[in-house]
Amino acid sequence: MEDHESLVARSLEQYEARLPRLNRASDAIGHAIRARLRDDGLNHHTVQSRVKDPVSVRGKLDRLTADGRFKYEHGLEQLDDLIGVRVIMFLEPDIADVATALKGQFNCREDDDKTSSQRRNGQIGYAGRHLILEVPAENVPVGCQAYIGERFEVQIRTVLQHAWAAFEHDIRYKGLAESNAEVDRAFTMASTLIELADAQFSAINDIVKRRQAESTAGFAVDPAATELTGDILQDMLARLLPEHPRSQARQYTWLGDLLAANGVRTVADAEGLFGAADWSGVAKRMDYKFRAGHVRIADDFLLKTWGPDYIARTKSLGDDPKREAKLTHRLERMQD
């Protein structure tokens, strides 16, 4: 039987040989996830993808179980996080929507909701959601065709949860707080404050959405003469779709450019178009796994309304060379 040091040496040699492919796969997977979140209108702070460095791989292969055995006695084949992705959100409730979106895009091998587990057990500390995903053989995400079967870990956190985890890891990694009760207590207090702050951010977001939905003010004194802008679209869709989450601010500007390319250039034009929309019908046809963001559902409504002509007229924007194929696929789903 191969001894541990030989196993580690062989594993690290294999890993060095795989690094170029893993780096390419990491870039492709990160791009696919960003595209999915953008397409679904999920408002996020950032998506970071990376490949584990060889020193970290060595450290993980040397880990022991509680009874003193090596945890990863079969080497690299047991490591699911050689590629790691962090998705950082602004609001905690959006984490569940991201998890649902990614589990629909990739095969899910493991789903560990650490936040829910801690709250069920009355604990305070690290919060976030971890997924072990795999590039599927069918319905392969765009750009990932060469990496079918590649496994990777996704950590989904809020900005505040990420800040806590990064600082805590830095302190523990440097060995400055081992078995230090005072530091442990301080981290626990900080975790509690972060949980409260995340809850307040969500409450603020709910208040803003409610006020937007309750607003009865007109968009302009003369809607027919007022040019449509991203800000106006954001306000308009928040009122029309109060149950759907906001998209990223830049996406409303993009939607305005999209509408202009299709002849919808004024507030009056947009009010007439969106005011008659069957939003629930669009959502039913698209069979969303979660509530789509404002811009995603508006884009699907425009696709349903104008069909192939919409695809042809929006090609001139040139913001995403793969958009034509995505729109064609979505139109096919609507017609099934």
C-alpha atoms as a PDB file:
ATOM      1  CA  MET A   1       0.000   0.000   0.000  1.00  0.00           C
ATOM      2  CA  GLU A   2       1.282   3.462  -0.891  1.00  0.00           C
ATOM      3  CA  ASP A   3       2.497   5.468   2.122  1.00  0.00           C
ATOM      4  CA  HIS A   4       1.154   8.957   2.755  1.00  0.00           C
ATOM      5  CA  GLU A   5       4.232  10.897   1.694  1.00  0.00           C
ATOM      6  CA  SER A   6       4.359   9.035  -1.619  1.00  0.00           C
ATOM      7  CA  LEU A   7       0.659   9.691  -2.153  1.00  0.00           C
ATOM      8  CA  VAL A   8       1.119  13.418  -1.497  1.00  0.00           C
ATOM      9  CA  ALA A   9       4.160  13.644  -3.784  1.00  0.00           C
ATOM     10  CA  ARG A  10       2.327  11.857  -6.586  1.00  0.00           C
ATOM     11  CA  SER A  11      -0.797  14.000  -6.062  1.00  0.00           C
ATOM     12  CA  LEU A  12       1.182  17.251  -6.185  1.00  0.00           C
ATOM     13  CA  GLU A  13       2.944  16.131  -9.352  1.00  0.00           C
ATOM     14  CA  GLN A  14      -0.438  15.394 -10.931  1.00  0.00           C
ATOM     15  CA  TYR A  15      -1.748  18.716  -9.712  1.00  0.00           C
ATOM     16  CA  GLU A  16       1.094  20.702 -11.262  1.00  0.00           C
ATOM     17  CA  ALA A  17       0.339  18.997 -14.588  1.00  0.00           C
ATOM     18  CA  ARG A  18      -3.365  19.866 -14.285  1.00  0.00           C
ATOM     19  CA  LEU A  19      -2.895  23.514 -13.317  1.00  0.00           C
ATOM     20  CA  PRO A  20      -3.089  25.027 -16.836  1.00  0.00           C
ATOM     21  CA  ARG A  21      -6.386  23.234 -17.504  1.00  0.00           C
ATOM     22  CA  LEU A  22      -7.743  24.104 -14.052  1.00  0.00           C
ATOM     23  CA  ASN A  23      -6.955  27.785 -14.586  1.00  0.00           C
ATOM     24  CA  ARG A  24      -8.792  27.774 -17.918  1.00  0.00           C
ATOM     25  CA  ALA A  25     -11.718  25.917 -16.344  1.00  0.00           C
ATOM     26  CA  SER A  26     -11.820  28.399 -13.454  1.00  0.00           C
ATOM     27  CA  ASP A  27     -12.044  31.335 -15.875  1.00  0.00           C
ATOM     28  CA  ALA A  28     -14.776  29.625 -17.927  1.00  0.00           C
ATOM     29  CA  ILE A  29     -16.846  28.653 -14.885  1.00  0.00           C
ATOM     30  CA  GLY A  30     -16.517  32.132 -13.379  1.00  0.00           C
ATOM     31  CA  HIS A  31     -17.652  33.711 -16.639  1.00  0.00           C
ATOM     32  CA  ALA A  32     -20.618  31.311 -16.917  1.00  0.00           C
ATOM     33  CA  ILE A  33     -21.738  32.116 -13.374  1.00  0.00           C
ATOM     34  CA  ARG A  34     -21.472  35.880 -13.951  1.00  0.00           C
ATOM     35  CA  ALA A  35     -23.493  35.516 -17.156  1.00  0.00           C
ATOM     36  CA  ARG A  36     -26.170  33.474 -15.365  1.00  0.00           C
ATOM     37  CA  LEU A  37     -26.531  35.988 -12.544  1.00  0.00           C
ATOM     38  CA  ARG A  38     -26.631  38.844 -15.076  1.00  0.00           C
ATOM     39  CA  ASP A  39     -29.188  37.074 -17.274  1.00  0.00           C
ATOM     40  CA  ASP A  40     -31.387  36.264 -14.278  1.00  0.00           C
ATOM     41  CA  GLY A  41     -31.198  39.804 -12.937  1.00  0.00           C
ATOM     42  CA  LEU A  42     -29.655  38.760  -9.609  1.00  0.00           C
ATOM     43  CA  ASN A  43     -28.088  41.857  -8.081  1.00  0.00           C
ATOM     44  CA  HIS A  44     -24.636  40.882  -6.786  1.00  0.00           C
ATOM     45  CA  HIS A  45     -21.482  42.611  -5.615  1.00  0.00           C
ATOM     46  CA  THR A  46     -18.831  40.403  -7.210  1.00  0.00           C
ATOM     47  CA  VAL A  47     -17.960  36.920  -8.453  1.00  0.00           C
ATOM     48  CA  GLN A  48     -14.406  35.720  -7.814  1.00  0.00           C
ATOM     49  CA  SER A  49     -12.947  32.468  -9.154  1.00  0.00           C
ATOM     50  CA  ARG A  50      -9.563  30.975  -8.287  1.00  0.00           C
ATOM     51  CA  VAL A  51      -7.535  27.758  -8.385  1.00  0.00           C
ATOM     52  CA  LYS A  52      -6.075  26.430  -5.131  1.00  0.00           C
ATOM     53  CA  ASP A  53      -2.321  26.914  -4.888  1.00  0.00           C
ATOM     54  CA  PRO A  54      -0.107  23.805  -4.430  1.00  0.00           C
ATOM     55  CA  VAL A  55       0.817  24.759  -0.838  1.00  0.00           C
ATOM     56  CA  SER A  56      -2.880  24.764   0.103  1.00  0.00           C
ATOM     57  CA  VAL A  57      -3.376  21.432  -1.662  1.00  0.00           C
ATOM     58  CA  ARG A  58      -0.511  19.958   0.352  1.00  0.00           C
ATOM     59  CA  GLY A  59      -1.998  21.297   3.571  1.00  0.00           C
ATOM     60  CA  LYS A  60      -5.384  19.785   2.793  1.00  0.00           C
ATOM     61  CA  LEU A  61      -3.933  16.366   1.921  1.00  0.00           C
ATOM     62  CA  ASP A  62      -2.144  16.363   5.299  1.00  0.00           C
ATOM     63  CA  ARG A  63      -5.353  16.883   7.306  1.00  0.00           C
ATOM     64  CA  LEU A  64      -6.261  14.249   9.877  1.00  0.00           C
ATOM     65  CA  THR A  65      -9.623  12.961  11.065  1.00  0.00           C
ATOM     66  CA  ALA A  66     -10.572  12.942  14.767  1.00  0.00           C
ATOM     67  CA  ASP A  67      -9.217   9.404  15.127  1.00  0.00           C
ATOM     68  CA  GLY A  68      -5.861  10.314  13.584  1.00  0.00           C
ATOM     69  CA  ARG A  69      -6.321   8.951  10.058  1.00  0.00           C
ATOM     70  CA  PHE A  70      -5.546  10.969   6.937  1.00  0.00           C
ATOM     71  CA  LYS A  71      -8.814  12.528   5.767  1.00  0.00           C
ATOM     72  CA  TYR A  72      -8.006  12.445   2.040  1.00  0.00           C
ATOM     73  CA  GLU A  73      -6.279   9.088   1.739  1.00  0.00           C
ATOM     74  CA  HIS A  74      -7.209   8.766  -1.960  1.00  0.00           C
ATOM     75  CA  GLY A  75      -5.538  12.022  -2.968  1.00  0.00           C
ATOM     76  CA  LEU A  76      -6.812  14.552  -5.509  1.00  0.00           C
ATOM     77  CA  GLU A  77      -9.921  12.577  -6.469  1.00  0.00           C
ATOM     78  CA  GLN A  78     -11.430  13.449  -3.068  1.00  0.00           C
ATOM     79  CA  LEU A  79     -10.833  17.202  -3.364  1.00  0.00           C
ATOM     80  CA  ASP A  80     -13.853  19.078  -4.704  1.00  0.00           C
ATOM     81  CA  ASP A  81     -12.499  22.590  -4.188  1.00  0.00           C
ATOM     82  CA  LEU A  82      -9.435  22.724  -6.427  1.00  0.00           C
ATOM     83  CA  ILE A  83     -11.498  25.343  -8.258  1.00  0.00           C
ATOM     84  CA  GLY A  84     -13.271  27.746  -5.935  1.00  0.00           C
ATOM     85  CA  VAL A  85     -15.800  30.491  -6.675  1.00  0.00           C
ATOM     86  CA  ARG A  86     -17.053  33.158  -4.276  1.00  0.00           C
ATOM     87  CA  VAL A  87     -20.318  34.933  -5.034  1.00  0.00           C
ATOM     88  CA  ILE A  88     -20.713  38.023  -2.855  1.00  0.00           C
ATOM     89  CA  MET A  89     -24.234  39.413  -2.506  1.00  0.00           C
ATOM     90  CA  PHE A  90     -25.600  42.617  -1.023  1.00  0.00           C
ATOM     91  CA  LEU A  91     -28.667  41.059   0.633  1.00  0.00           C
ATOM     92  CA  GLU A  92     -28.895  37.786   2.547  1.00  0.00           C
ATOM     93  CA  PRO A  93     -32.309  36.717   1.119  1.00  0.00           C
ATOM     94  CA  ASP A  94     -30.753  36.772  -2.376  1.00  0.00           C
ATOM     95  CA  ILE A  95     -28.334  33.975  -1.413  1.00  0.00           C
ATOM     96  CA  ALA A  96     -31.090  31.366  -1.772  1.00  0.00           C
ATOM     97  CA  ASP A  97     -31.948  32.660  -5.262  1.00  0.00           C
ATOM     98  CA  VAL A  98     -28.302  32.412  -6.331  1.00  0.00           C
ATOM     99  CA  ALA A  99     -28.070  28.846  -5.005  1.00  0.00           C
ATOM    100  CA  THR A 100     -31.213  27.884  -6.927  1.00  0.00           C
ATOM    101  CA  ALA A 101     -29.905  29.498 -10.119  1.00  0.00           C
ATOM    102  CA  LEU A 102     -26.528  27.728  -9.946  1.00  0.00           C
ATOM    103  CA  LYS A 103     -28.073  24.361  -9.051  1.00  0.00           C
ATOM    104  CA  GLY A 104     -30.170  24.729 -12.193  1.00  0.00           C
ATOM    105  CA  GLN A 105     -27.081  25.538 -14.267  1.00  0.00           C
ATOM    106  CA  PHE A 106     -24.695  22.854 -12.913  1.00  0.00           C
ATOM    107  CA  ASN A 107     -25.058  19.421 -11.322  1.00  0.00           C
ATOM    108  CA  CYS A 108     -25.192  19.771  -7.530  1.00  0.00           C
ATOM    109  CA  ARG A 109     -23.213  17.229  -5.513  1.00  0.00           C
ATOM    110  CA  GLU A 110     -23.520  18.933  -2.125  1.00  0.00           C
ATOM    111  CA  ASP A 111     -25.401  21.880  -0.598  1.00  0.00           C
ATOM    112  CA  ASP A 112     -24.343  23.065   2.865  1.00  0.00           C
ATOM    113  CA  ASP A 113     -26.360  26.014   4.201  1.00  0.00           C
ATOM    114  CA  LYS A 114     -24.107  26.953   7.108  1.00  0.00           C
ATOM    115  CA  THR A 115     -26.207  29.978   8.069  1.00  0.00           C
ATOM    116  CA  SER A 116     -29.396  27.960   8.505  1.00  0.00           C
ATOM    117  CA  SER A 117     -27.557  25.179  10.341  1.00  0.00           C
ATOM    118  CA  GLN A 118     -26.069  27.614  12.835  1.00  0.00           C
ATOM    119  CA  ARG A 119     -29.407  29.280  13.513  1.00  0.00           C
ATOM    120  CA  ARG A 120     -31.168  25.937  13.988  1.00  0.00           C
ATOM    121  CA  ASN A 121     -28.494  24.960  16.514  1.00  0.00           C
ATOM    122  CA  GLY A 122     -28.476  28.323  18.277  1.00  0.00           C
ATOM    123  CA  GLN A 123     -24.895  29.047  17.255  1.00  0.00           C
ATOM    124  CA  ILE A 124     -23.088  32.200  16.145  1.00  0.00           C
ATOM    125  CA  GLY A 125     -20.072  32.345  13.832  1.00  0.00           C
ATOM    126  CA  TYR A 126     -19.213  31.750  10.179  1.00  0.00           C
ATOM    127  CA  ALA A 127     -22.204  32.241   7.886  1.00  0.00           C
ATOM    128  CA  GLY A 128     -22.701  31.483   4.216  1.00  0.00           C
ATOM    129  CA  ARG A 129     -23.777  28.758   1.843  1.00  0.00           C
ATOM    130  CA  HIS A 130     -21.417  26.272   0.204  1.00  0.00           C
ATOM    131  CA  LEU A 131     -22.213  24.269  -2.936  1.00  0.00           C
ATOM    132  CA  ILE A 132     -20.179  21.527  -4.586  1.00  0.00           C
ATOM    133  CA  LEU A 133     -21.084  21.684  -8.277  1.00  0.00           C
ATOM    134  CA  GLU A 134     -20.072  19.853 -11.430  1.00  0.00           C
ATOM    135  CA  VAL A 135     -20.108  20.914 -15.072  1.00  0.00           C
ATOM    136  CA  PRO A 136     -22.935  18.813 -16.609  1.00  0.00           C
ATOM    137  CA  ALA A 137     -22.747  16.694 -19.746  1.00  0.00           C
ATOM    138  CA  GLU A 138     -26.139  17.998 -20.965  1.00  0.00           C
ATOM    139  CA  ASN A 139     -27.167  21.652 -21.334  1.00  0.00           C
ATOM    140  CA  VAL A 140     -23.543  22.632 -20.802  1.00  0.00           C
ATOM    141  CA  PRO A 141     -23.141  26.293 -19.742  1.00  0.00           C
ATOM    142  CA  VAL A 142     -21.721  28.454 -22.511  1.00  0.00           C
ATOM    143  CA  GLY A 143     -17.922  28.305 -22.556  1.00  0.00           C
ATOM    144  CA  CYS A 144     -17.683  25.185 -20.367  1.00  0.00           C
ATOM    145  CA  GLN A 145     -17.910  22.505 -23.068  1.00  0.00           C
ATOM    146  CA  ALA A 146     -14.267  21.504 -22.595  1.00  0.00           C
ATOM    147  CA  TYR A 147     -14.677  21.012 -18.837  1.00  0.00           C
ATOM    148  CA  ILE A 148     -17.539  18.506 -18.508  1.00  0.00           C
ATOM    149  CA  GLY A 149     -17.245  16.635 -15.213  1.00  0.00           C
ATOM    150  CA  GLU A 150     -15.035  19.275 -13.556  1.00  0.00           C
ATOM    151  CA  ARG A 151     -16.024  19.763  -9.903  1.00  0.00           C
ATOM    152  CA  PHE A 152     -15.761  23.044  -8.013  1.00  0.00           C
ATOM    153  CA  GLU A 153     -16.887  24.732  -4.808  1.00  0.00           C
ATOM    154  CA  VAL A 154     -19.030  27.858  -4.642  1.00  0.00           C
ATOM    155  CA  GLN A 155     -19.234  29.966  -1.480  1.00  0.00           C
ATOM    156  CA  ILE A 156     -22.166  32.396  -1.411  1.00  0.00           C
ATOM    157  CA  ARG A 157     -22.064  35.154   1.218  1.00  0.00           C
ATOM    158  CA  THR A 158     -23.139  38.718   1.820  1.00  0.00           C
ATOM    159  CA  VAL A 159     -20.543  41.489   1.734  1.00  0.00           C
ATOM    160  CA  LEU A 160     -20.554  41.635   5.538  1.00  0.00           C
ATOM    161  CA  GLN A 161     -20.324  37.857   5.956  1.00  0.00           C
ATOM    162  CA  HIS A 162     -17.387  37.840   3.555  1.00  0.00           C
ATOM    163  CA  ALA A 163     -15.588  40.583   5.480  1.00  0.00           C
ATOM    164  CA  TRP A 164     -16.007  38.652   8.747  1.00  0.00           C
ATOM    165  CA  ALA A 165     -14.824  35.368   7.229  1.00  0.00           C
ATOM    166  CA  ALA A 166     -11.809  36.944   5.496  1.00  0.00           C
ATOM    167  CA  PHE A 167     -10.643  38.719   8.662  1.00  0.00           C
ATOM    168  CA  GLU A 168     -11.255  35.688  10.882  1.00  0.00           C
ATOM    169  CA  HIS A 169      -9.321  33.449   8.477  1.00  0.00           C
ATOM    170  CA  ASP A 170      -6.446  35.945   8.362  1.00  0.00           C
ATOM    171  CA  ILE A 171      -6.194  36.059  12.160  1.00  0.00           C
ATOM    172  CA  ARG A 172      -6.449  32.274  12.605  1.00  0.00           C
ATOM    173  CA  TYR A 173      -4.086  31.561   9.712  1.00  0.00           C
ATOM    174  CA  LYS A 174      -1.410  33.754  11.271  1.00  0.00           C
ATOM    175  CA  GLY A 175      -1.814  31.842  14.516  1.00  0.00           C
ATOM    176  CA  LEU A 176      -2.447  35.033  16.484  1.00  0.00           C
ATOM    177  CA  ALA A 177      -5.588  33.821  18.232  1.00  0.00           C
ATOM    178  CA  GLU A 178      -5.210  30.104  18.889  1.00  0.00           C
ATOM    179  CA  SER A 179      -7.151  29.096  22.006  1.00  0.00           C
ATOM    180  CA  ASN A 180      -7.656  32.739  22.942  1.00  0.00           C
ATOM    181  CA  ALA A 181     -10.999  33.105  24.716  1.00  0.00           C
ATOM    182  CA  GLU A 182     -10.959  36.907  24.503  1.00  0.00           C
ATOM    183  CA  VAL A 183     -10.542  36.857  20.721  1.00  0.00           C
ATOM    184  CA  ASP A 184     -13.155  34.091  20.348  1.00  0.00           C
ATOM    185  CA  ARG A 185     -15.657  36.197  22.297  1.00  0.00           C
ATOM    186  CA  ALA A 186     -14.886  39.272  20.175  1.00  0.00           C
ATOM    187  CA  PHE A 187     -15.426  37.307  16.945  1.00  0.00           C
ATOM    188  CA  THR A 188     -18.729  35.969  18.286  1.00  0.00           C
ATOM    189  CA  MET A 189     -19.910  39.488  19.115  1.00  0.00           C
ATOM    190  CA  ALA A 190     -18.863  40.717  15.666  1.00  0.00           C
ATOM    191  CA  SER A 191     -20.749  37.846  14.018  1.00  0.00           C
ATOM    192  CA  THR A 192     -23.888  38.782  15.957  1.00  0.00           C
ATOM    193  CA  LEU A 193     -23.609  42.423  14.875  1.00  0.00           C
ATOM    194  CA  ILE A 194     -23.120  41.371  11.246  1.00  0.00           C
ATOM    195  CA  GLU A 195     -26.244  39.219  11.387  1.00  0.00           C
ATOM    196  CA  LEU A 196     -28.194  42.186  12.731  1.00  0.00           C
ATOM    197  CA  ALA A 197     -26.747  44.517  10.082  1.00  0.00           C
ATOM    198  CA  ASP A 198     -27.654  42.094   7.267  1.00  0.00           C
ATOM    199  CA  ALA A 199     -31.197  41.944   8.634  1.00  0.00           C
ATOM    200  CA  GLN A 200     -31.388  45.752   8.646  1.00  0.00           C
ATOM    201  CA  PHE A 201     -30.111  45.959   5.057  1.00  0.00           C
ATOM    202  CA  SER A 202     -32.899  43.594   4.022  1.00  0.00           C
ATOM    203  CA  ALA A 203     -35.442  45.667   5.953  1.00  0.00           C
ATOM    204  CA  ILE A 204     -34.221  48.856   4.254  1.00  0.00           C
ATOM    205  CA  ASN A 205     -34.533  47.178   0.863  1.00  0.00           C
ATOM    206  CA  ASP A 206     -38.102  46.118   1.681  1.00  0.00           C
ATOM    207  CA  ILE A 207     -39.008  49.670   2.733  1.00  0.00           C
ATOM    208  CA  VAL A 208     -37.603  51.129  -0.491  1.00  0.00           C
ATOM    209  CA  LYS A 209     -39.474  48.600  -2.623  1.00  0.00           C
ATOM    210  CA  ARG A 210     -42.716  49.259  -0.745  1.00  0.00           C
ATOM    211  CA  ARG A 211     -42.408  53.024  -1.161  1.00  0.00           C
ATOM    212  CA  GLN A 212     -41.689  52.616  -4.850  1.00  0.00           C
ATOM    213  CA  ALA A 213     -44.709  50.366  -5.224  1.00  0.00           C
ATOM    214  CA  GLU A 214     -46.949  52.797  -3.332  1.00  0.00           C
ATOM    215  CA  SER A 215     -45.778  55.846  -5.256  1.00  0.00           C
ATOM    216  CA  THR A 216     -48.461  57.432  -7.429  1.00  0.00           C
ATOM    217  CA  ALA A 217     -46.366  60.236  -8.871  1.00  0.00           C
ATOM    218  CA  GLY A 218     -46.034  60.472 -12.624  1.00  0.00           C
ATOM    219  CA  PHE A 219     -42.716  59.863 -14.288  1.00  0.00           C
ATOM    220  CA  ALA A 220     -42.695  63.196 -16.060  1.00  0.00           C
ATOM    221  CA  VAL A 221     -44.795  66.269 -16.770  1.00  0.00           C
ATOM    222  CA  ASP A 222     -44.887  65.352 -20.456  1.00  0.00           C
ATOM    223  CA  PRO A 223     -44.279  61.566 -20.832  1.00  0.00           C
ATOM    224  CA  ALA A 224     -44.504  61.750 -24.624  1.00  0.00           C
ATOM    225  CA  ALA A 225     -41.612  64.214 -24.786  1.00  0.00           C
ATOM    226  CA  THR A 226     -39.469  62.767 -21.972  1.00  0.00           C
ATOM    227  CA  GLU A 227     -36.619  60.494 -23.011  1.00  0.00           C
ATOM    228  CA  LEU A 228     -36.549  57.107 -21.320  1.00  0.00           C
ATOM    229  CA  THR A 229     -33.596  56.635 -18.935  1.00  0.00           C
ATOM    230  CA  GLY A 230     -32.281  53.849 -16.768  1.00  0.00           C
ATOM    231  CA  ASP A 231     -33.434  55.631 -13.595  1.00  0.00           C
ATOM    232  CA  ILE A 232     -36.951  56.034 -14.957  1.00  0.00           C
ATOM    233  CA  LEU A 233     -37.024  52.375 -15.995  1.00  0.00           C
ATOM    234  CA  GLN A 234     -35.910  51.309 -12.533  1.00  0.00           C
ATOM    235  CA  ASP A 235     -38.733  53.303 -10.931  1.00  0.00           C
ATOM    236  CA  MET A 236     -41.270  52.105 -13.490  1.00  0.00           C
ATOM    237  CA  LEU A 237     -40.442  48.408 -13.141  1.00  0.00           C
ATOM    238  CA  ALA A 238     -40.283  48.643  -9.337  1.00  0.00           C
ATOM    239  CA  ARG A 239     -43.889  49.868  -9.410  1.00  0.00           C
ATOM    240  CA  LEU A 240     -45.040  47.330 -11.976  1.00  0.00           C
ATOM    241  CA  LEU A 241     -43.131  44.389 -10.457  1.00  0.00           C
ATOM    242  CA  PRO A 242     -43.018  45.018  -6.686  1.00  0.00           C
ATOM    243  CA  GLU A 243     -42.641  41.305  -5.896  1.00  0.00           C
ATOM    244  CA  HIS A 244     -39.569  40.910  -8.109  1.00  0.00           C
ATOM    245  CA  PRO A 245     -36.036  41.862  -6.950  1.00  0.00           C
ATOM    246  CA  ARG A 246     -34.119  44.835  -8.319  1.00  0.00           C
ATOM    247  CA  SER A 247     -31.504  44.257 -10.993  1.00  0.00           C
ATOM    248  CA  GLN A 248     -28.104  45.931 -11.042  1.00  0.00           C
ATOM    249  CA  ALA A 249     -28.328  49.657 -11.799  1.00  0.00           C
ATOM    250  CA  ARG A 250     -26.308  49.383 -15.022  1.00  0.00           C
ATOM    251  CA  GLN A 251     -28.752  46.790 -16.352  1.00  0.00           C
ATOM    252  CA  TYR A 252     -31.573  49.353 -16.456  1.00  0.00           C
ATOM    253  CA  THR A 253     -29.405  51.579 -18.651  1.00  0.00           C
ATOM    254  CA  TRP A 254     -28.747  48.570 -20.887  1.00  0.00           C
ATOM    255  CA  LEU A 255     -32.506  47.892 -21.041  1.00  0.00           C
ATOM    256  CA  GLY A 256     -33.084  51.510 -22.073  1.00  0.00           C
ATOM    257  CA  ASP A 257     -30.619  51.100 -24.954  1.00  0.00           C
ATOM    258  CA  LEU A 258     -32.359  47.866 -25.895  1.00  0.00           C
ATOM    259  CA  LEU A 259     -35.769  49.533 -25.969  1.00  0.00           C
ATOM    260  CA  ALA A 260     -34.434  52.445 -28.012  1.00  0.00           C
ATOM    261  CA  ALA A 261     -33.083  49.970 -30.591  1.00  0.00           C
ATOM    262  CA  ASN A 262     -36.653  48.705 -30.881  1.00  0.00           C
ATOM    263  CA  GLY A 263     -38.252  52.139 -31.224  1.00  0.00           C
ATOM    264  CA  VAL A 264     -39.290  52.641 -27.575  1.00  0.00           C
ATOM    265  CA  ARG A 265     -37.606  55.928 -26.698  1.00  0.00           C
ATOM    266  CA  THR A 266     -39.953  57.929 -24.467  1.00  0.00           C
ATOM    267  CA  VAL A 267     -41.649  57.425 -21.123  1.00  0.00           C
ATOM    268  CA  ALA A 268     -45.022  57.297 -22.869  1.00  0.00           C
ATOM    269  CA  ASP A 269     -43.776  54.569 -25.215  1.00  0.00           C
ATOM    270  CA  ALA A 270     -42.592  52.455 -22.257  1.00  0.00           C
ATOM    271  CA  GLU A 271     -45.762  53.056 -20.223  1.00  0.00           C
ATOM    272  CA  GLY A 272     -47.889  51.891 -23.127  1.00  0.00           C
ATOM    273  CA  LEU A 273     -45.742  48.815 -23.699  1.00  0.00           C
ATOM    274  CA  PHE A 274     -45.200  47.664 -20.121  1.00  0.00           C
ATOM    275  CA  GLY A 275     -48.584  48.795 -18.822  1.00  0.00           C
ATOM    276  CA  ALA A 276     -50.303  46.103 -20.892  1.00  0.00           C
ATOM    277  CA  ALA A 277     -47.792  43.350 -20.046  1.00  0.00           C
ATOM    278  CA  ASP A 278     -48.949  39.954 -18.812  1.00  0.00           C
ATOM    279  CA  TRP A 279     -46.095  39.508 -16.347  1.00  0.00           C
ATOM    280  CA  SER A 280     -47.551  36.401 -14.701  1.00  0.00           C
ATOM    281  CA  GLY A 281     -47.979  34.830 -18.136  1.00  0.00           C
ATOM    282  CA  VAL A 282     -44.334  35.453 -18.970  1.00  0.00           C
ATOM    283  CA  ALA A 283     -43.206  33.995 -15.643  1.00  0.00           C
ATOM    284  CA  LYS A 284     -45.386  30.921 -16.187  1.00  0.00           C
ATOM    285  CA  ARG A 285     -44.017  30.315 -19.679  1.00  0.00           C
ATOM    286  CA  MET A 286     -40.406  30.699 -18.554  1.00  0.00           C
ATOM    287  CA  ASP A 287     -40.967  28.539 -15.447  1.00  0.00           C
ATOM    288  CA  TYR A 288     -38.491  30.515 -13.327  1.00  0.00           C
ATOM    289  CA  LYS A 289     -37.010  28.609 -10.404  1.00  0.00           C
ATOM    290  CA  PHE A 290     -37.026  31.875  -8.416  1.00  0.00           C
ATOM    291  CA  ARG A 291     -38.371  35.381  -8.856  1.00  0.00           C
ATOM    292  CA  ALA A 292     -36.619  36.877 -11.855  1.00  0.00           C
ATOM    293  CA  GLY A 293     -35.075  40.335 -11.531  1.00  0.00           C
ATOM    294  CA  HIS A 294     -36.754  43.337 -13.164  1.00  0.00           C
ATOM    295  CA  VAL A 295     -34.532  43.420 -16.249  1.00  0.00           C
ATOM    296  CA  ARG A 296     -34.645  39.646 -16.863  1.00  0.00           C
ATOM    297  CA  ILE A 297     -38.446  39.414 -16.826  1.00  0.00           C
ATOM    298  CA  ALA A 298     -38.733  42.612 -18.912  1.00  0.00           C
ATOM    299  CA  ASP A 299     -36.316  41.123 -21.463  1.00  0.00           C
ATOM    300  CA  ASP A 300     -38.400  37.931 -21.612  1.00  0.00           C
ATOM    301  CA  PHE A 301     -41.572  39.979 -22.050  1.00  0.00           C
ATOM    302  CA  LEU A 302     -40.013  41.862 -24.977  1.00  0.00           C
ATOM    303  CA  LEU A 303     -38.889  38.569 -26.502  1.00  0.00           C
ATOM    304  CA  LYS A 304     -42.382  37.119 -26.166  1.00  0.00           C
ATOM    305  CA  THR A 305     -43.942  40.299 -27.626  1.00  0.00           C
ATOM    306  CA  TRP A 306     -41.678  40.737 -30.659  1.00  0.00           C
ATOM    307  CA  GLY A 307     -40.273  37.246 -31.202  1.00  0.00           C
ATOM    308  CA  PRO A 308     -37.611  36.755 -33.908  1.00  0.00           C
ATOM    309  CA  ASP A 309     -37.821  40.437 -34.910  1.00  0.00           C
ATOM    310  CA  TYR A 310     -36.632  41.347 -31.413  1.00  0.00           C
ATOM    311  CA  ILE A 311     -33.617  39.068 -31.751  1.00  0.00           C
ATOM    312  CA  ALA A 312     -32.715  40.571 -35.132  1.00  0.00           C
ATOM    313  CA  ARG A 313     -33.102  44.195 -34.014  1.00  0.00           C
ATOM    314  CA  THR A 314     -31.055  43.801 -30.827  1.00  0.00           C
ATOM    315  CA  LYS A 315     -28.039  42.215 -32.527  1.00  0.00           C
ATOM    316  CA  SER A 316     -26.754  45.696 -33.312  1.00  0.00           C
ATOM    317  CA  LEU A 317     -26.071  46.413 -29.639  1.00  0.00           C
ATOM    318  CA  GLY A 318     -23.192  43.940 -29.677  1.00  0.00           C
ATOM    319  CA  ASP A 319     -22.900  43.763 -25.854  1.00  0.00           C
ATOM    320  CA  ASP A 320     -22.770  39.964 -25.749  1.00  0.00           C
ATOM    321  CA  PRO A 321     -21.820  37.894 -28.801  1.00  0.00           C
ATOM    322  CA  LYS A 322     -23.638  34.883 -27.325  1.00  0.00           C
ATOM    323  CA  ARG A 323     -26.873  36.770 -26.671  1.00  0.00           C
ATOM    324  CA  GLU A 324     -28.496  35.805 -29.991  1.00  0.00           C
ATOM    325  CA  ALA A 325     -28.153  32.096 -29.168  1.00  0.00           C
ATOM    326  CA  LYS A 326     -29.485  32.646 -25.651  1.00  0.00           C
ATOM    327  CA  LEU A 327     -32.511  34.564 -26.919  1.00  0.00           C
ATOM    328  CA  THR A 328     -33.236  31.897 -29.537  1.00  0.00           C
ATOM    329  CA  HIS A 329     -33.131  29.197 -26.848  1.00  0.00           C
ATOM    330  CA  ARG A 330     -35.426  31.202 -24.558  1.00  0.00           C
ATOM    331  CA  LEU A 331     -37.881  31.815 -27.401  1.00  0.00           C
ATOM    332  CA  GLU A 332     -37.992  28.074 -28.045  1.00  0.00           C
ATOM    333  CA  ARG A 333     -38.810  27.498 -24.369  1.00  0.00           C
ATOM    334  CA  MET A 334     -41.711  29.947 -24.605  1.00  0.00           C
ATOM    335  CA  GLN A 335     -43.150  28.126 -27.610  1.00  0.00           C
ATOM    336  CA  ASP A 336     -42.964  24.625 -26.093  1.00  0.00           C
END
